[in-house]
Amino acid sequence: MGNRLSKIATRTGDGGETGLGDGSRVSKGSERIHTIGDVDELNSWIGLLRAELSNSDELQPLLNQIQHDLFDLGGELSVPGFKALSEELLQDLEDNLEALNETLPPLKDFILPGGNRAAAHAHMARTVCRRAERSMVELGLCEAVNNLGLRYLNRLSDLMFVMARALARRDNGQEILWQSRHIREQD
């Protein structure tokens, strides 16, 4: 790879444009850049979640792989027409989602985000993932996008929800169940 990022402050974006990986320049307000930013923010939230967990936590390898996958997705978005994701990555997410969900009781009520710090971070990652997915849908209305990236984000948000549920239950913790105002007022 070499020294691709040897100069960080290039001043080339001072006019409100930025360069894509293919050398083209686009507005920093474009749908493509919004989507890249949402994927980047998602990756940062997952990094924050990882920082909440011990280095030996069983979820670390999965979260590490997801961060790399999100960089690949960002690469796809920054080079129109480039493909970096594979069906195998999607299947891996689905397998992990299924395995983690098997450890949880059936969901009978809505749950509130939280439970503990790690679960709250997983919920933040889930909501930012949904935003990134919506951004990618918007981008797809005006430019070609890899449908696999959309599917990946959709499964990832599901995985983050299930992971939040599992994390909230660690160390004898529990999920916070939503109660309607009517029920809360009766208590």
N, C-alpha and C. Protein backbone atom coordinates (compact mmCIF):
# COMPACT_ATOMS: atom_id res chain seq x y z
N MET A 1 0.80 -1.20 0.00
CA MET A 1 0.00 0.00 0.00
C MET A 1 0.83 1.26 0.00
N GLY A 2 1.99 1.23 0.57
CA GLY A 2 2.83 2.41 0.56
C GLY A 2 2.34 3.49 1.50
N ASN A 3 2.79 4.70 1.26
CA ASN A 3 2.43 5.85 2.10
C ASN A 3 1.30 6.62 1.46
N ARG A 4 0.16 6.02 1.33
CA ARG A 4 -0.98 6.66 0.68
C ARG A 4 -1.49 7.86 1.45
N LEU A 5 -1.35 7.87 2.76
CA LEU A 5 -1.86 8.97 3.58
C LEU A 5 -0.72 9.75 4.20
N SER A 6 0.29 10.05 3.40
CA SER A 6 1.45 10.74 3.94
C SER A 6 1.14 12.20 4.26
N LYS A 7 0.15 12.78 3.59
CA LYS A 7 -0.22 14.17 3.86
C LYS A 7 -1.72 14.21 4.15
N ILE A 8 -2.07 14.56 5.37
CA ILE A 8 -3.47 14.54 5.80
C ILE A 8 -4.16 15.86 5.46
N ALA A 9 -3.55 16.98 5.78
CA ALA A 9 -4.15 18.29 5.50
C ALA A 9 -3.74 18.74 4.10
N THR A 10 -4.56 18.38 3.12
CA THR A 10 -4.24 18.69 1.73
C THR A 10 -4.81 20.02 1.26
N ARG A 11 -5.81 20.52 1.96
CA ARG A 11 -6.53 21.77 1.63
C ARG A 11 -7.38 21.64 0.35
N THR A 12 -7.43 20.45 -0.23
CA THR A 12 -8.21 20.29 -1.46
C THR A 12 -9.70 20.26 -1.20
N GLY A 13 -10.10 20.09 0.05
CA GLY A 13 -11.52 20.06 0.38
C GLY A 13 -12.05 21.37 0.93
N ASP A 14 -11.22 22.40 0.93
CA ASP A 14 -11.63 23.68 1.52
C ASP A 14 -12.82 24.31 0.80
N GLY A 15 -13.05 23.96 -0.46
CA GLY A 15 -14.15 24.53 -1.22
C GLY A 15 -15.44 23.73 -1.13
N GLY A 16 -15.47 22.72 -0.28
CA GLY A 16 -16.70 21.93 -0.11
C GLY A 16 -16.77 20.70 -0.98
N GLU A 17 -15.66 20.32 -1.60
CA GLU A 17 -15.62 19.09 -2.39
C GLU A 17 -14.60 18.15 -1.78
N THR A 18 -14.73 16.87 -2.12
CA THR A 18 -13.78 15.87 -1.68
C THR A 18 -13.53 14.90 -2.81
N GLY A 19 -12.43 14.20 -2.73
CA GLY A 19 -12.08 13.24 -3.76
C GLY A 19 -12.55 11.85 -3.43
N LEU A 20 -13.03 11.15 -4.45
CA LEU A 20 -13.38 9.74 -4.31
C LEU A 20 -12.16 8.90 -4.67
N GLY A 21 -12.24 7.62 -4.39
CA GLY A 21 -11.13 6.72 -4.65
C GLY A 21 -10.80 6.57 -6.12
N ASP A 22 -11.71 6.92 -7.00
CA ASP A 22 -11.45 6.82 -8.44
C ASP A 22 -10.88 8.12 -9.01
N GLY A 23 -10.61 9.11 -8.13
CA GLY A 23 -10.04 10.37 -8.57
C GLY A 23 -11.06 11.46 -8.86
N SER A 24 -12.33 11.11 -8.94
CA SER A 24 -13.36 12.12 -9.20
C SER A 24 -13.60 12.95 -7.95
N ARG A 25 -14.17 14.14 -8.14
CA ARG A 25 -14.47 15.05 -7.03
C ARG A 25 -15.97 15.22 -6.93
N VAL A 26 -16.46 15.22 -5.70
CA VAL A 26 -17.89 15.38 -5.45
C VAL A 26 -18.10 16.35 -4.29
N SER A 27 -19.29 16.90 -4.21
CA SER A 27 -19.65 17.77 -3.11
C SER A 27 -19.65 16.98 -1.80
N LYS A 28 -19.18 17.62 -0.75
CA LYS A 28 -19.23 16.99 0.57
C LYS A 28 -20.67 16.83 1.05
N GLY A 29 -21.62 17.48 0.38
CA GLY A 29 -23.04 17.35 0.70
C GLY A 29 -23.75 16.31 -0.14
N SER A 30 -23.03 15.56 -0.96
CA SER A 30 -23.66 14.57 -1.84
C SER A 30 -24.17 13.37 -1.04
N GLU A 31 -25.13 12.68 -1.63
CA GLU A 31 -25.67 11.46 -0.99
C GLU A 31 -24.55 10.43 -0.77
N ARG A 32 -23.62 10.33 -1.70
CA ARG A 32 -22.53 9.36 -1.57
C ARG A 32 -21.69 9.68 -0.34
N ILE A 33 -21.35 10.94 -0.14
CA ILE A 33 -20.52 11.31 1.01
C ILE A 33 -21.31 11.17 2.31
N HIS A 34 -22.60 11.48 2.29
CA HIS A 34 -23.42 11.24 3.49
C HIS A 34 -23.40 9.76 3.86
N THR A 35 -23.53 8.90 2.86
CA THR A 35 -23.55 7.47 3.11
C THR A 35 -22.20 6.99 3.64
N ILE A 36 -21.12 7.45 3.02
CA ILE A 36 -19.78 7.09 3.50
C ILE A 36 -19.62 7.55 4.95
N GLY A 37 -20.08 8.75 5.27
CA GLY A 37 -19.99 9.26 6.63
C GLY A 37 -20.79 8.45 7.62
N ASP A 38 -21.98 8.02 7.23
CA ASP A 38 -22.79 7.19 8.12
C ASP A 38 -22.13 5.84 8.38
N VAL A 39 -21.54 5.25 7.35
CA VAL A 39 -20.84 3.97 7.53
C VAL A 39 -19.62 4.17 8.43
N ASP A 40 -18.92 5.28 8.25
CA ASP A 40 -17.77 5.59 9.09
C ASP A 40 -18.19 5.78 10.55
N GLU A 41 -19.30 6.51 10.77
CA GLU A 41 -19.80 6.70 12.12
C GLU A 41 -20.19 5.37 12.75
N LEU A 42 -20.83 4.52 11.98
CA LEU A 42 -21.18 3.18 12.47
C LEU A 42 -19.94 2.43 12.92
N ASN A 43 -18.90 2.48 12.10
CA ASN A 43 -17.66 1.79 12.45
C ASN A 43 -17.09 2.34 13.75
N SER A 44 -17.20 3.65 13.94
CA SER A 44 -16.70 4.26 15.18
C SER A 44 -17.51 3.80 16.39
N TRP A 45 -18.83 3.69 16.24
CA TRP A 45 -19.66 3.19 17.36
C TRP A 45 -19.30 1.75 17.69
N ILE A 46 -19.02 0.95 16.69
CA ILE A 46 -18.61 -0.44 16.96
C ILE A 46 -17.26 -0.45 17.65
N GLY A 47 -16.37 0.46 17.27
CA GLY A 47 -15.10 0.58 17.98
C GLY A 47 -15.30 0.96 19.43
N LEU A 48 -16.26 1.84 19.70
CA LEU A 48 -16.57 2.22 21.08
C LEU A 48 -17.14 1.03 21.85
N LEU A 49 -17.99 0.25 21.21
CA LEU A 49 -18.51 -0.96 21.84
C LEU A 49 -17.37 -1.91 22.17
N ARG A 50 -16.44 -2.09 21.24
CA ARG A 50 -15.31 -2.98 21.49
C ARG A 50 -14.48 -2.50 22.68
N ALA A 51 -14.36 -1.18 22.83
CA ALA A 51 -13.60 -0.63 23.95
C ALA A 51 -14.27 -0.91 25.29
N GLU A 52 -15.58 -1.14 25.28
CA GLU A 52 -16.33 -1.47 26.50
C GLU A 52 -16.10 -2.92 26.92
N LEU A 53 -15.70 -3.76 25.98
CA LEU A 53 -15.54 -5.19 26.24
C LEU A 53 -14.07 -5.51 26.53
N SER A 54 -13.85 -6.55 27.29
CA SER A 54 -12.47 -6.96 27.54
C SER A 54 -11.86 -7.48 26.23
N ASN A 55 -10.54 -7.43 26.15
CA ASN A 55 -9.86 -7.91 24.94
C ASN A 55 -10.12 -9.39 24.69
N SER A 56 -10.42 -10.13 25.74
CA SER A 56 -10.66 -11.57 25.59
C SER A 56 -12.14 -11.91 25.39
N ASP A 57 -13.00 -10.90 25.31
CA ASP A 57 -14.42 -11.15 25.16
C ASP A 57 -14.68 -11.94 23.88
N GLU A 58 -15.60 -12.87 23.97
CA GLU A 58 -15.92 -13.73 22.82
C GLU A 58 -16.47 -12.97 21.62
N LEU A 59 -16.99 -11.76 21.82
CA LEU A 59 -17.52 -10.96 20.72
C LEU A 59 -16.45 -10.17 19.97
N GLN A 60 -15.26 -10.05 20.53
CA GLN A 60 -14.21 -9.23 19.91
C GLN A 60 -13.87 -9.67 18.48
N PRO A 61 -13.66 -10.96 18.22
CA PRO A 61 -13.32 -11.34 16.83
C PRO A 61 -14.42 -10.98 15.83
N LEU A 62 -15.67 -11.18 16.22
CA LEU A 62 -16.79 -10.85 15.34
C LEU A 62 -16.83 -9.34 15.09
N LEU A 63 -16.72 -8.55 16.15
CA LEU A 63 -16.77 -7.10 16.00
C LEU A 63 -15.57 -6.59 15.19
N ASN A 64 -14.42 -7.20 15.37
CA ASN A 64 -13.24 -6.86 14.58
C ASN A 64 -13.51 -7.11 13.10
N GLN A 65 -14.07 -8.27 12.78
CA GLN A 65 -14.38 -8.59 11.39
C GLN A 65 -15.39 -7.60 10.81
N ILE A 66 -16.38 -7.23 11.60
CA ILE A 66 -17.38 -6.28 11.14
C ILE A 66 -16.74 -4.93 10.83
N GLN A 67 -15.81 -4.49 11.67
CA GLN A 67 -15.14 -3.22 11.39
C GLN A 67 -14.38 -3.28 10.06
N HIS A 68 -13.72 -4.40 9.80
CA HIS A 68 -13.02 -4.55 8.52
C HIS A 68 -14.02 -4.58 7.36
N ASP A 69 -15.14 -5.28 7.55
CA ASP A 69 -16.18 -5.32 6.51
C ASP A 69 -16.70 -3.92 6.20
N LEU A 70 -16.89 -3.12 7.25
CA LEU A 70 -17.39 -1.76 7.05
C LEU A 70 -16.39 -0.90 6.29
N PHE A 71 -15.09 -1.13 6.52
CA PHE A 71 -14.09 -0.43 5.72
C PHE A 71 -14.19 -0.86 4.26
N ASP A 72 -14.44 -2.16 4.04
CA ASP A 72 -14.63 -2.63 2.66
C ASP A 72 -15.86 -1.97 2.03
N LEU A 73 -16.94 -1.86 2.79
CA LEU A 73 -18.14 -1.19 2.29
C LEU A 73 -17.82 0.28 1.98
N GLY A 74 -17.08 0.93 2.84
CA GLY A 74 -16.67 2.30 2.58
C GLY A 74 -15.84 2.40 1.30
N GLY A 75 -15.00 1.39 1.06
CA GLY A 75 -14.23 1.34 -0.18
C GLY A 75 -15.12 1.23 -1.40
N GLU A 76 -16.14 0.39 -1.29
CA GLU A 76 -17.11 0.28 -2.39
C GLU A 76 -17.78 1.61 -2.66
N LEU A 77 -18.16 2.29 -1.60
CA LEU A 77 -18.86 3.56 -1.74
C LEU A 77 -17.95 4.66 -2.28
N SER A 78 -16.65 4.60 -1.96
CA SER A 78 -15.74 5.65 -2.40
C SER A 78 -15.17 5.41 -3.80
N VAL A 79 -15.41 4.23 -4.35
CA VAL A 79 -15.00 3.94 -5.72
C VAL A 79 -16.21 3.36 -6.44
N PRO A 80 -17.02 4.23 -7.05
CA PRO A 80 -18.24 3.75 -7.72
C PRO A 80 -17.94 2.59 -8.68
N GLY A 81 -18.73 1.52 -8.54
CA GLY A 81 -18.58 0.34 -9.38
C GLY A 81 -17.67 -0.72 -8.79
N PHE A 82 -16.86 -0.38 -7.78
CA PHE A 82 -15.96 -1.34 -7.14
C PHE A 82 -16.75 -2.25 -6.21
N LYS A 83 -16.41 -3.53 -6.18
CA LYS A 83 -17.08 -4.50 -5.31
C LYS A 83 -16.05 -5.13 -4.37
N ALA A 84 -16.31 -5.05 -3.08
CA ALA A 84 -15.41 -5.62 -2.08
C ALA A 84 -16.12 -6.62 -1.18
N LEU A 85 -17.43 -6.51 -1.03
CA LEU A 85 -18.19 -7.41 -0.15
C LEU A 85 -18.51 -8.71 -0.89
N SER A 86 -18.75 -9.75 -0.11
CA SER A 86 -19.10 -11.05 -0.69
C SER A 86 -20.28 -11.64 0.05
N GLU A 87 -20.95 -12.55 -0.62
CA GLU A 87 -22.07 -13.28 0.00
C GLU A 87 -21.63 -13.99 1.27
N GLU A 88 -20.37 -14.42 1.29
CA GLU A 88 -19.83 -15.12 2.47
C GLU A 88 -19.91 -14.24 3.71
N LEU A 89 -19.65 -12.95 3.57
CA LEU A 89 -19.73 -12.02 4.71
C LEU A 89 -21.15 -11.92 5.23
N LEU A 90 -22.10 -11.89 4.30
CA LEU A 90 -23.50 -11.82 4.68
C LEU A 90 -23.91 -13.09 5.42
N GLN A 91 -23.48 -14.23 4.91
CA GLN A 91 -23.80 -15.51 5.56
C GLN A 91 -23.18 -15.58 6.95
N ASP A 92 -21.97 -15.06 7.10
CA ASP A 92 -21.31 -15.04 8.40
C ASP A 92 -22.12 -14.23 9.41
N LEU A 93 -22.62 -13.07 8.96
CA LEU A 93 -23.46 -12.26 9.85
C LEU A 93 -24.71 -13.03 10.26
N GLU A 94 -25.36 -13.65 9.30
CA GLU A 94 -26.58 -14.41 9.58
C GLU A 94 -26.31 -15.56 10.54
N ASP A 95 -25.20 -16.26 10.34
CA ASP A 95 -24.86 -17.38 11.24
C ASP A 95 -24.62 -16.88 12.66
N ASN A 96 -23.89 -15.78 12.79
CA ASN A 96 -23.64 -15.22 14.13
C ASN A 96 -24.91 -14.69 14.76
N LEU A 97 -25.76 -14.08 13.97
CA LEU A 97 -27.04 -13.59 14.46
C LEU A 97 -27.87 -14.74 15.01
N GLU A 98 -27.96 -15.81 14.25
CA GLU A 98 -28.74 -16.97 14.66
C GLU A 98 -28.18 -17.60 15.93
N ALA A 99 -26.86 -17.77 16.00
CA ALA A 99 -26.24 -18.38 17.17
C ALA A 99 -26.45 -17.54 18.42
N LEU A 100 -26.31 -16.23 18.30
CA LEU A 100 -26.49 -15.35 19.46
C LEU A 100 -27.95 -15.30 19.88
N ASN A 101 -28.84 -15.29 18.92
CA ASN A 101 -30.27 -15.23 19.22
C ASN A 101 -30.76 -16.50 19.92
N GLU A 102 -30.15 -17.62 19.62
CA GLU A 102 -30.54 -18.89 20.26
C GLU A 102 -30.32 -18.87 21.76
N THR A 103 -29.43 -18.01 22.24
CA THR A 103 -29.13 -17.95 23.67
C THR A 103 -30.13 -17.07 24.43
N LEU A 104 -31.04 -16.41 23.71
CA LEU A 104 -31.95 -15.45 24.32
C LEU A 104 -33.37 -15.98 24.40
N PRO A 105 -34.11 -15.54 25.40
CA PRO A 105 -35.52 -15.92 25.45
C PRO A 105 -36.28 -15.22 24.33
N PRO A 106 -37.42 -15.76 23.92
CA PRO A 106 -38.21 -15.09 22.88
C PRO A 106 -38.57 -13.68 23.31
N LEU A 107 -38.61 -12.80 22.35
CA LEU A 107 -38.93 -11.40 22.62
C LEU A 107 -40.45 -11.24 22.58
N LYS A 108 -41.03 -10.87 23.72
CA LYS A 108 -42.48 -10.71 23.82
C LYS A 108 -42.88 -9.25 23.96
N ASP A 109 -41.94 -8.39 24.30
CA ASP A 109 -42.21 -6.97 24.51
C ASP A 109 -41.14 -6.16 23.79
N PHE A 110 -41.45 -4.90 23.56
CA PHE A 110 -40.42 -3.99 23.07
C PHE A 110 -39.45 -3.75 24.22
N ILE A 111 -38.19 -3.51 23.86
CA ILE A 111 -37.21 -3.19 24.90
C ILE A 111 -36.68 -1.79 24.66
N LEU A 112 -36.31 -1.15 25.75
CA LEU A 112 -35.72 0.18 25.67
C LEU A 112 -34.20 0.03 25.51
N PRO A 113 -33.58 0.90 24.70
CA PRO A 113 -32.12 0.85 24.58
C PRO A 113 -31.47 1.07 25.94
N GLY A 114 -30.49 0.28 26.26
CA GLY A 114 -29.77 0.41 27.53
C GLY A 114 -29.60 -0.94 28.18
N GLY A 115 -29.59 -0.95 29.47
CA GLY A 115 -29.37 -2.18 30.24
C GLY A 115 -28.03 -2.14 30.93
N ASN A 116 -26.99 -1.79 30.18
CA ASN A 116 -25.64 -1.52 30.69
C ASN A 116 -24.91 -0.76 29.58
N ARG A 117 -23.69 -0.33 29.87
CA ARG A 117 -22.96 0.50 28.89
C ARG A 117 -22.72 -0.23 27.57
N ALA A 118 -22.30 -1.47 27.64
CA ALA A 118 -22.03 -2.21 26.40
C ALA A 118 -23.30 -2.38 25.58
N ALA A 119 -24.40 -2.73 26.22
CA ALA A 119 -25.66 -2.88 25.50
C ALA A 119 -26.10 -1.55 24.90
N ALA A 120 -25.92 -0.46 25.64
CA ALA A 120 -26.29 0.86 25.12
C ALA A 120 -25.46 1.20 23.89
N HIS A 121 -24.17 0.87 23.91
CA HIS A 121 -23.32 1.11 22.73
C HIS A 121 -23.77 0.25 21.55
N ALA A 122 -24.17 -0.98 21.81
CA ALA A 122 -24.67 -1.83 20.72
C ALA A 122 -25.96 -1.25 20.14
N HIS A 123 -26.82 -0.70 20.99
CA HIS A 123 -28.03 -0.05 20.50
C HIS A 123 -27.69 1.19 19.65
N MET A 124 -26.70 1.96 20.07
CA MET A 124 -26.28 3.11 19.26
C MET A 124 -25.77 2.64 17.90
N ALA A 125 -24.97 1.59 17.90
CA ALA A 125 -24.47 1.04 16.64
C ALA A 125 -25.65 0.60 15.76
N ARG A 126 -26.65 -0.01 16.39
CA ARG A 126 -27.84 -0.46 15.64
C ARG A 126 -28.55 0.71 14.98
N THR A 127 -28.76 1.79 15.72
CA THR A 127 -29.50 2.92 15.15
C THR A 127 -28.70 3.63 14.07
N VAL A 128 -27.40 3.75 14.25
CA VAL A 128 -26.56 4.37 13.22
C VAL A 128 -26.50 3.45 12.00
N CYS A 129 -26.52 2.15 12.22
CA CYS A 129 -26.54 1.20 11.12
C CYS A 129 -27.81 1.38 10.29
N ARG A 130 -28.92 1.55 10.96
CA ARG A 130 -30.19 1.78 10.24
C ARG A 130 -30.12 3.08 9.44
N ARG A 131 -29.49 4.10 10.00
CA ARG A 131 -29.34 5.36 9.27
C ARG A 131 -28.46 5.16 8.04
N ALA A 132 -27.36 4.43 8.21
CA ALA A 132 -26.47 4.15 7.08
C ALA A 132 -27.23 3.39 5.99
N GLU A 133 -28.06 2.46 6.40
CA GLU A 133 -28.88 1.71 5.44
C GLU A 133 -29.83 2.66 4.69
N ARG A 134 -30.49 3.55 5.43
CA ARG A 134 -31.39 4.51 4.78
C ARG A 134 -30.63 5.42 3.81
N SER A 135 -29.43 5.83 4.22
CA SER A 135 -28.61 6.67 3.35
C SER A 135 -28.24 5.93 2.07
N MET A 136 -27.93 4.66 2.22
CA MET A 136 -27.55 3.87 1.05
C MET A 136 -28.75 3.67 0.12
N VAL A 137 -29.94 3.52 0.69
CA VAL A 137 -31.16 3.44 -0.12
C VAL A 137 -31.33 4.74 -0.90
N GLU A 138 -31.17 5.88 -0.22
CA GLU A 138 -31.28 7.19 -0.89
C GLU A 138 -30.25 7.31 -2.01
N LEU A 139 -29.03 6.90 -1.74
CA LEU A 139 -27.98 6.95 -2.76
C LEU A 139 -28.38 6.09 -3.96
N GLY A 140 -28.96 4.92 -3.68
CA GLY A 140 -29.37 4.01 -4.74
C GLY A 140 -30.48 4.55 -5.62
N LEU A 141 -31.19 5.57 -5.15
CA LEU A 141 -32.24 6.19 -5.98
C LEU A 141 -31.65 7.04 -7.09
N CYS A 142 -30.40 7.50 -6.92
CA CYS A 142 -29.80 8.37 -7.93
C CYS A 142 -28.51 7.81 -8.53
N GLU A 143 -27.90 6.81 -7.90
CA GLU A 143 -26.68 6.20 -8.41
C GLU A 143 -26.71 4.71 -8.13
N ALA A 144 -25.94 3.97 -8.88
CA ALA A 144 -25.87 2.52 -8.69
C ALA A 144 -25.13 2.21 -7.38
N VAL A 145 -25.68 1.30 -6.61
CA VAL A 145 -25.02 0.80 -5.40
C VAL A 145 -25.08 -0.72 -5.42
N ASN A 146 -24.17 -1.33 -4.69
CA ASN A 146 -24.14 -2.78 -4.57
C ASN A 146 -25.24 -3.21 -3.59
N ASN A 147 -26.22 -3.93 -4.08
CA ASN A 147 -27.32 -4.40 -3.23
C ASN A 147 -26.82 -5.23 -2.06
N LEU A 148 -25.69 -5.89 -2.22
CA LEU A 148 -25.13 -6.68 -1.13
C LEU A 148 -24.79 -5.78 0.07
N GLY A 149 -24.35 -4.56 -0.19
CA GLY A 149 -24.07 -3.63 0.89
C GLY A 149 -25.33 -3.28 1.67
N LEU A 150 -26.44 -3.10 0.97
CA LEU A 150 -27.72 -2.85 1.64
C LEU A 150 -28.12 -4.04 2.50
N ARG A 151 -28.00 -5.22 1.94
CA ARG A 151 -28.36 -6.43 2.69
C ARG A 151 -27.45 -6.59 3.91
N TYR A 152 -26.16 -6.29 3.73
CA TYR A 152 -25.21 -6.40 4.84
C TYR A 152 -25.61 -5.46 5.98
N LEU A 153 -25.92 -4.21 5.66
CA LEU A 153 -26.31 -3.26 6.70
C LEU A 153 -27.60 -3.69 7.39
N ASN A 154 -28.53 -4.24 6.61
CA ASN A 154 -29.79 -4.69 7.20
C ASN A 154 -29.54 -5.82 8.20
N ARG A 155 -28.73 -6.79 7.83
CA ARG A 155 -28.43 -7.90 8.75
C ARG A 155 -27.62 -7.42 9.93
N LEU A 156 -26.69 -6.49 9.68
CA LEU A 156 -25.85 -5.99 10.76
C LEU A 156 -26.69 -5.28 11.81
N SER A 157 -27.69 -4.52 11.40
CA SER A 157 -28.53 -3.85 12.41
C SER A 157 -29.29 -4.88 13.22
N ASP A 158 -29.74 -5.96 12.58
CA ASP A 158 -30.40 -7.05 13.32
C ASP A 158 -29.43 -7.67 14.33
N LEU A 159 -28.20 -7.91 13.87
CA LEU A 159 -27.19 -8.50 14.76
C LEU A 159 -26.89 -7.57 15.93
N MET A 160 -26.80 -6.28 15.69
CA MET A 160 -26.53 -5.33 16.77
C MET A 160 -27.68 -5.32 17.79
N PHE A 161 -28.91 -5.48 17.32
CA PHE A 161 -30.04 -5.56 18.24
C PHE A 161 -29.94 -6.80 19.12
N VAL A 162 -29.67 -7.93 18.51
CA VAL A 162 -29.55 -9.18 19.27
C VAL A 162 -28.34 -9.12 20.20
N MET A 163 -27.24 -8.53 19.72
CA MET A 163 -26.06 -8.40 20.56
C MET A 163 -26.36 -7.51 21.76
N ALA A 164 -27.12 -6.43 21.56
CA ALA A 164 -27.50 -5.56 22.68
C ALA A 164 -28.32 -6.34 23.70
N ARG A 165 -29.22 -7.17 23.22
CA ARG A 165 -30.03 -7.98 24.13
C ARG A 165 -29.13 -8.90 24.96
N ALA A 166 -28.18 -9.56 24.29
CA ALA A 166 -27.28 -10.49 24.99
C ALA A 166 -26.40 -9.74 25.98
N LEU A 167 -25.88 -8.60 25.57
CA LEU A 167 -25.01 -7.83 26.46
C LEU A 167 -25.77 -7.31 27.68
N ALA A 168 -27.02 -6.91 27.50
CA ALA A 168 -27.81 -6.42 28.63
C ALA A 168 -28.02 -7.50 29.67
N ARG A 169 -28.00 -8.75 29.27
CA ARG A 169 -28.27 -9.86 30.19
C ARG A 169 -27.01 -10.41 30.86
N ARG A 170 -25.87 -9.89 30.49
CA ARG A 170 -24.62 -10.36 31.10
C ARG A 170 -24.57 -10.00 32.57
N ASP A 171 -23.82 -10.80 33.31
CA ASP A 171 -23.60 -10.56 34.74
C ASP A 171 -24.90 -10.36 35.50
N ASN A 172 -25.88 -11.19 35.18
CA ASN A 172 -27.20 -11.17 35.81
C ASN A 172 -27.95 -9.86 35.55
N GLY A 173 -27.59 -9.16 34.50
CA GLY A 173 -28.31 -7.94 34.13
C GLY A 173 -29.60 -8.30 33.41
N GLN A 174 -30.32 -7.29 33.02
CA GLN A 174 -31.57 -7.54 32.31
C GLN A 174 -31.86 -6.43 31.31
N GLU A 175 -32.71 -6.77 30.39
CA GLU A 175 -33.19 -5.79 29.44
C GLU A 175 -34.25 -4.93 30.11
N ILE A 176 -34.41 -3.73 29.62
CA ILE A 176 -35.43 -2.83 30.15
C ILE A 176 -36.63 -2.92 29.21
N LEU A 177 -37.71 -3.47 29.71
CA LEU A 177 -38.91 -3.65 28.89
C LEU A 177 -39.72 -2.36 28.84
N TRP A 178 -40.22 -2.06 27.66
CA TRP A 178 -41.07 -0.90 27.48
C TRP A 178 -42.45 -1.19 28.06
N GLN A 179 -43.00 -0.21 28.71
CA GLN A 179 -44.38 -0.27 29.19
C GLN A 179 -45.10 0.97 28.69
N SER A 180 -46.30 0.79 28.22
CA SER A 180 -47.07 1.95 27.74
C SER A 180 -47.36 2.88 28.91
N ARG A 181 -47.63 4.11 28.60
CA ARG A 181 -47.94 5.12 29.62
C ARG A 181 -49.10 4.65 30.49
N HIS A 182 -50.09 4.05 29.86
CA HIS A 182 -51.25 3.56 30.58
C HIS A 182 -50.85 2.54 31.66
N ILE A 183 -50.00 1.64 31.32
CA ILE A 183 -49.55 0.62 32.29
C ILE A 183 -48.69 1.28 33.36
N ARG A 184 -47.80 2.20 32.97
CA ARG A 184 -46.94 2.87 33.95
C ARG A 184 -47.76 3.67 34.95
N GLU A 185 -48.82 4.29 34.51
CA GLU A 185 -49.65 5.10 35.40
C GLU A 185 -50.46 4.23 36.38
N GLN A 186 -50.70 2.96 36.02
CA GLN A 186 -51.43 2.06 36.91
C GLN A 186 -50.54 1.56 38.05
N ASP A 187 -49.25 1.54 37.82
CA ASP A 187 -48.33 1.00 38.84
C ASP A 187 -48.15 1.93 39.97
